[in-house]
Amino acid sequence: MTKQDKQKYLNYLSSCLNKYYETIQSHKNIETNKSYIKGLMAGGMYSSLVTVQELNKIIEETHYEFFGKSQQERKIENALTSGDEEDWSYFDTPAKKRNSS
């Protein structure tokens, strides 16, 4: 494989990731796109065309270009704005009593 093949693959992966992010934003079913992208990345690694580090880099770059923030920043923002409170009532009972059943 040539450097040109690698760049062509990374450009295609970036395009697929953009389509995936569009489906996320529109709240559509993402499983088909997600499975396809996972297969595409596995094929790239299996054929030794790319490394895990290169895949992580293209994912992060494409995510930042699409959303304007890193994956980590977006996760934090979503967690803070989701309004979903964790149910901590499980911990109201002491561990000794929870584990004795």
C-alpha atoms as a PDB file:
ATOM      1  CA  MET A   1       0.000   0.000   0.000  1.00  0.00           C
ATOM      2  CA  THR A   2       1.234   3.431  -0.838  1.00  0.00           C
ATOM      3  CA  LYS A   3       1.066   6.658   1.092  1.00  0.00           C
ATOM      4  CA  GLN A   4      -1.582   7.765  -1.404  1.00  0.00           C
ATOM      5  CA  ASP A   5      -3.695   4.684  -0.584  1.00  0.00           C
ATOM      6  CA  LYS A   6      -3.425   5.474   3.108  1.00  0.00           C
ATOM      7  CA  GLN A   7      -4.506   9.082   2.581  1.00  0.00           C
ATOM      8  CA  LYS A   8      -7.422   7.961   0.407  1.00  0.00           C
ATOM      9  CA  TYR A   9      -8.509   5.552   3.172  1.00  0.00           C
ATOM     10  CA  LEU A  10      -8.247   8.248   5.873  1.00  0.00           C
ATOM     11  CA  ASN A  11     -10.235  10.716   3.753  1.00  0.00           C
ATOM     12  CA  TYR A  12     -12.959   8.101   3.218  1.00  0.00           C
ATOM     13  CA  LEU A  13     -13.024   7.270   6.936  1.00  0.00           C
ATOM     14  CA  SER A  14     -13.324  10.965   7.770  1.00  0.00           C
ATOM     15  CA  SER A  15     -16.253  11.260   5.341  1.00  0.00           C
ATOM     16  CA  CYS A  16     -17.962   8.257   6.956  1.00  0.00           C
ATOM     17  CA  LEU A  17     -17.408   9.733  10.411  1.00  0.00           C
ATOM     18  CA  ASN A  18     -18.996  13.007   9.298  1.00  0.00           C
ATOM     19  CA  LYS A  19     -22.083  11.109   8.093  1.00  0.00           C
ATOM     20  CA  TYR A  20     -22.158   9.252  11.404  1.00  0.00           C
ATOM     21  CA  TYR A  21     -21.989  12.502  13.374  1.00  0.00           C
ATOM     22  CA  GLU A  22     -24.810  13.907  11.239  1.00  0.00           C
ATOM     23  CA  THR A  23     -27.010  10.944  12.209  1.00  0.00           C
ATOM     24  CA  ILE A  24     -26.137  11.527  15.868  1.00  0.00           C
ATOM     25  CA  GLN A  25     -27.197  15.169  15.612  1.00  0.00           C
ATOM     26  CA  SER A  26     -30.468  14.268  13.911  1.00  0.00           C
ATOM     27  CA  HIS A  27     -31.207  11.614  16.566  1.00  0.00           C
ATOM     28  CA  LYS A  28     -31.565   8.874  13.954  1.00  0.00           C
ATOM     29  CA  ASN A  29     -30.629   5.216  14.351  1.00  0.00           C
ATOM     30  CA  ILE A  30     -26.831   5.173  14.394  1.00  0.00           C
ATOM     31  CA  GLU A  31     -26.182   1.437  14.698  1.00  0.00           C
ATOM     32  CA  THR A  32     -25.804   0.751  10.957  1.00  0.00           C
ATOM     33  CA  ASN A  33     -23.283   3.555  10.493  1.00  0.00           C
ATOM     34  CA  LYS A  34     -21.498   2.629  13.701  1.00  0.00           C
ATOM     35  CA  SER A  35     -21.073  -1.005  12.635  1.00  0.00           C
ATOM     36  CA  TYR A  36     -19.860   0.003   9.185  1.00  0.00           C
ATOM     37  CA  ILE A  37     -17.257   2.387  10.608  1.00  0.00           C
ATOM     38  CA  LYS A  38     -16.038  -0.216  13.096  1.00  0.00           C
ATOM     39  CA  GLY A  39     -15.595  -2.678  10.224  1.00  0.00           C
ATOM     40  CA  LEU A  40     -13.833  -0.081   8.119  1.00  0.00           C
ATOM     41  CA  MET A  41     -11.405   0.679  10.935  1.00  0.00           C
ATOM     42  CA  ALA A  42     -10.828  -3.013  11.686  1.00  0.00           C
ATOM     43  CA  GLY A  43     -10.025  -3.608   8.019  1.00  0.00           C
ATOM     44  CA  GLY A  44      -7.558  -0.725   8.012  1.00  0.00           C
ATOM     45  CA  MET A  45      -5.779  -2.130  11.057  1.00  0.00           C
ATOM     46  CA  TYR A  46      -5.893  -5.737   9.835  1.00  0.00           C
ATOM     47  CA  SER A  47      -4.327  -4.768   6.514  1.00  0.00           C
ATOM     48  CA  SER A  48      -1.658  -2.760   8.393  1.00  0.00           C
ATOM     49  CA  LEU A  49      -2.737   0.341   6.510  1.00  0.00           C
ATOM     50  CA  VAL A  50      -3.191   2.311   9.738  1.00  0.00           C
ATOM     51  CA  THR A  51      -2.391   2.030  13.416  1.00  0.00           C
ATOM     52  CA  VAL A  52      -4.726   2.483  16.358  1.00  0.00           C
ATOM     53  CA  GLN A  53      -3.028   5.800  17.088  1.00  0.00           C
ATOM     54  CA  GLU A  54      -3.697   7.023  13.542  1.00  0.00           C
ATOM     55  CA  LEU A  55      -7.340   5.976  13.798  1.00  0.00           C
ATOM     56  CA  ASN A  56      -7.736   7.756  17.136  1.00  0.00           C
ATOM     57  CA  LYS A  57      -6.176  10.875  15.634  1.00  0.00           C
ATOM     58  CA  ILE A  58      -8.533  10.955  12.626  1.00  0.00           C
ATOM     59  CA  ILE A  59     -11.549  10.286  14.857  1.00  0.00           C
ATOM     60  CA  GLU A  60     -10.605  13.128  17.208  1.00  0.00           C
ATOM     61  CA  GLU A  61      -9.824  15.532  14.341  1.00  0.00           C
ATOM     62  CA  THR A  62     -13.054  14.767  12.492  1.00  0.00           C
ATOM     63  CA  HIS A  63     -15.073  15.026  15.717  1.00  0.00           C
ATOM     64  CA  TYR A  64     -13.510  18.407  16.502  1.00  0.00           C
ATOM     65  CA  GLU A  65     -14.160  19.699  12.973  1.00  0.00           C
ATOM     66  CA  PHE A  66     -17.801  18.569  13.117  1.00  0.00           C
ATOM     67  CA  PHE A  67     -18.774  19.519  16.681  1.00  0.00           C
ATOM     68  CA  GLY A  68     -16.205  22.242  17.392  1.00  0.00           C
ATOM     69  CA  LYS A  69     -15.037  20.443  20.530  1.00  0.00           C
ATOM     70  CA  SER A  70     -13.132  17.336  21.534  1.00  0.00           C
ATOM     71  CA  GLN A  71     -14.893  14.075  22.340  1.00  0.00           C
ATOM     72  CA  GLN A  72     -14.046  14.553  26.012  1.00  0.00           C
ATOM     73  CA  GLU A  73     -15.388  18.119  26.054  1.00  0.00           C
ATOM     74  CA  ARG A  74     -18.602  16.970  24.376  1.00  0.00           C
ATOM     75  CA  LYS A  75     -19.079  14.100  26.844  1.00  0.00           C
ATOM     76  CA  ILE A  76     -18.667  16.478  29.776  1.00  0.00           C
ATOM     77  CA  GLU A  77     -21.019  19.030  28.249  1.00  0.00           C
ATOM     78  CA  ASN A  78     -23.654  16.373  27.545  1.00  0.00           C
ATOM     79  CA  ALA A  79     -23.365  15.036  31.077  1.00  0.00           C
ATOM     80  CA  LEU A  80     -23.788  18.508  32.554  1.00  0.00           C
ATOM     81  CA  THR A  81     -26.729  19.497  30.358  1.00  0.00           C
ATOM     82  CA  SER A  82     -28.598  16.199  30.165  1.00  0.00           C
ATOM     83  CA  GLY A  83     -30.483  16.883  33.370  1.00  0.00           C
ATOM     84  CA  ASP A  84     -30.425  13.200  34.218  1.00  0.00           C
ATOM     85  CA  GLU A  85     -29.664  12.783  37.866  1.00  0.00           C
ATOM     86  CA  GLU A  86     -27.986   9.632  39.084  1.00  0.00           C
ATOM     87  CA  ASP A  87     -30.009   7.562  41.520  1.00  0.00           C
ATOM     88  CA  TRP A  88     -27.709   7.321  44.523  1.00  0.00           C
ATOM     89  CA  SER A  89     -30.346   5.822  46.830  1.00  0.00           C
ATOM     90  CA  TYR A  90     -28.593   2.446  46.576  1.00  0.00           C
ATOM     91  CA  PHE A  91     -25.869   3.903  48.772  1.00  0.00           C
ATOM     92  CA  ASP A  92     -28.285   5.026  51.469  1.00  0.00           C
ATOM     93  CA  THR A  93     -28.028   1.524  52.929  1.00  0.00           C
ATOM     94  CA  PRO A  94     -24.648   0.735  54.503  1.00  0.00           C
ATOM     95  CA  ALA A  95     -22.434  -1.573  52.433  1.00  0.00           C
ATOM     96  CA  LYS A  96     -22.456  -4.217  55.166  1.00  0.00           C
ATOM     97  CA  LYS A  97     -26.245  -4.523  54.943  1.00  0.00           C
ATOM     98  CA  ARG A  98     -26.301  -4.373  51.119  1.00  0.00           C
ATOM     99  CA  ASN A  99     -23.784  -7.181  50.806  1.00  0.00           C
ATOM    100  CA  SER A 100     -25.258  -9.474  53.478  1.00  0.00           C
ATOM    101  CA  SER A 101     -28.171 -10.659  51.330  1.00  0.00           C
END
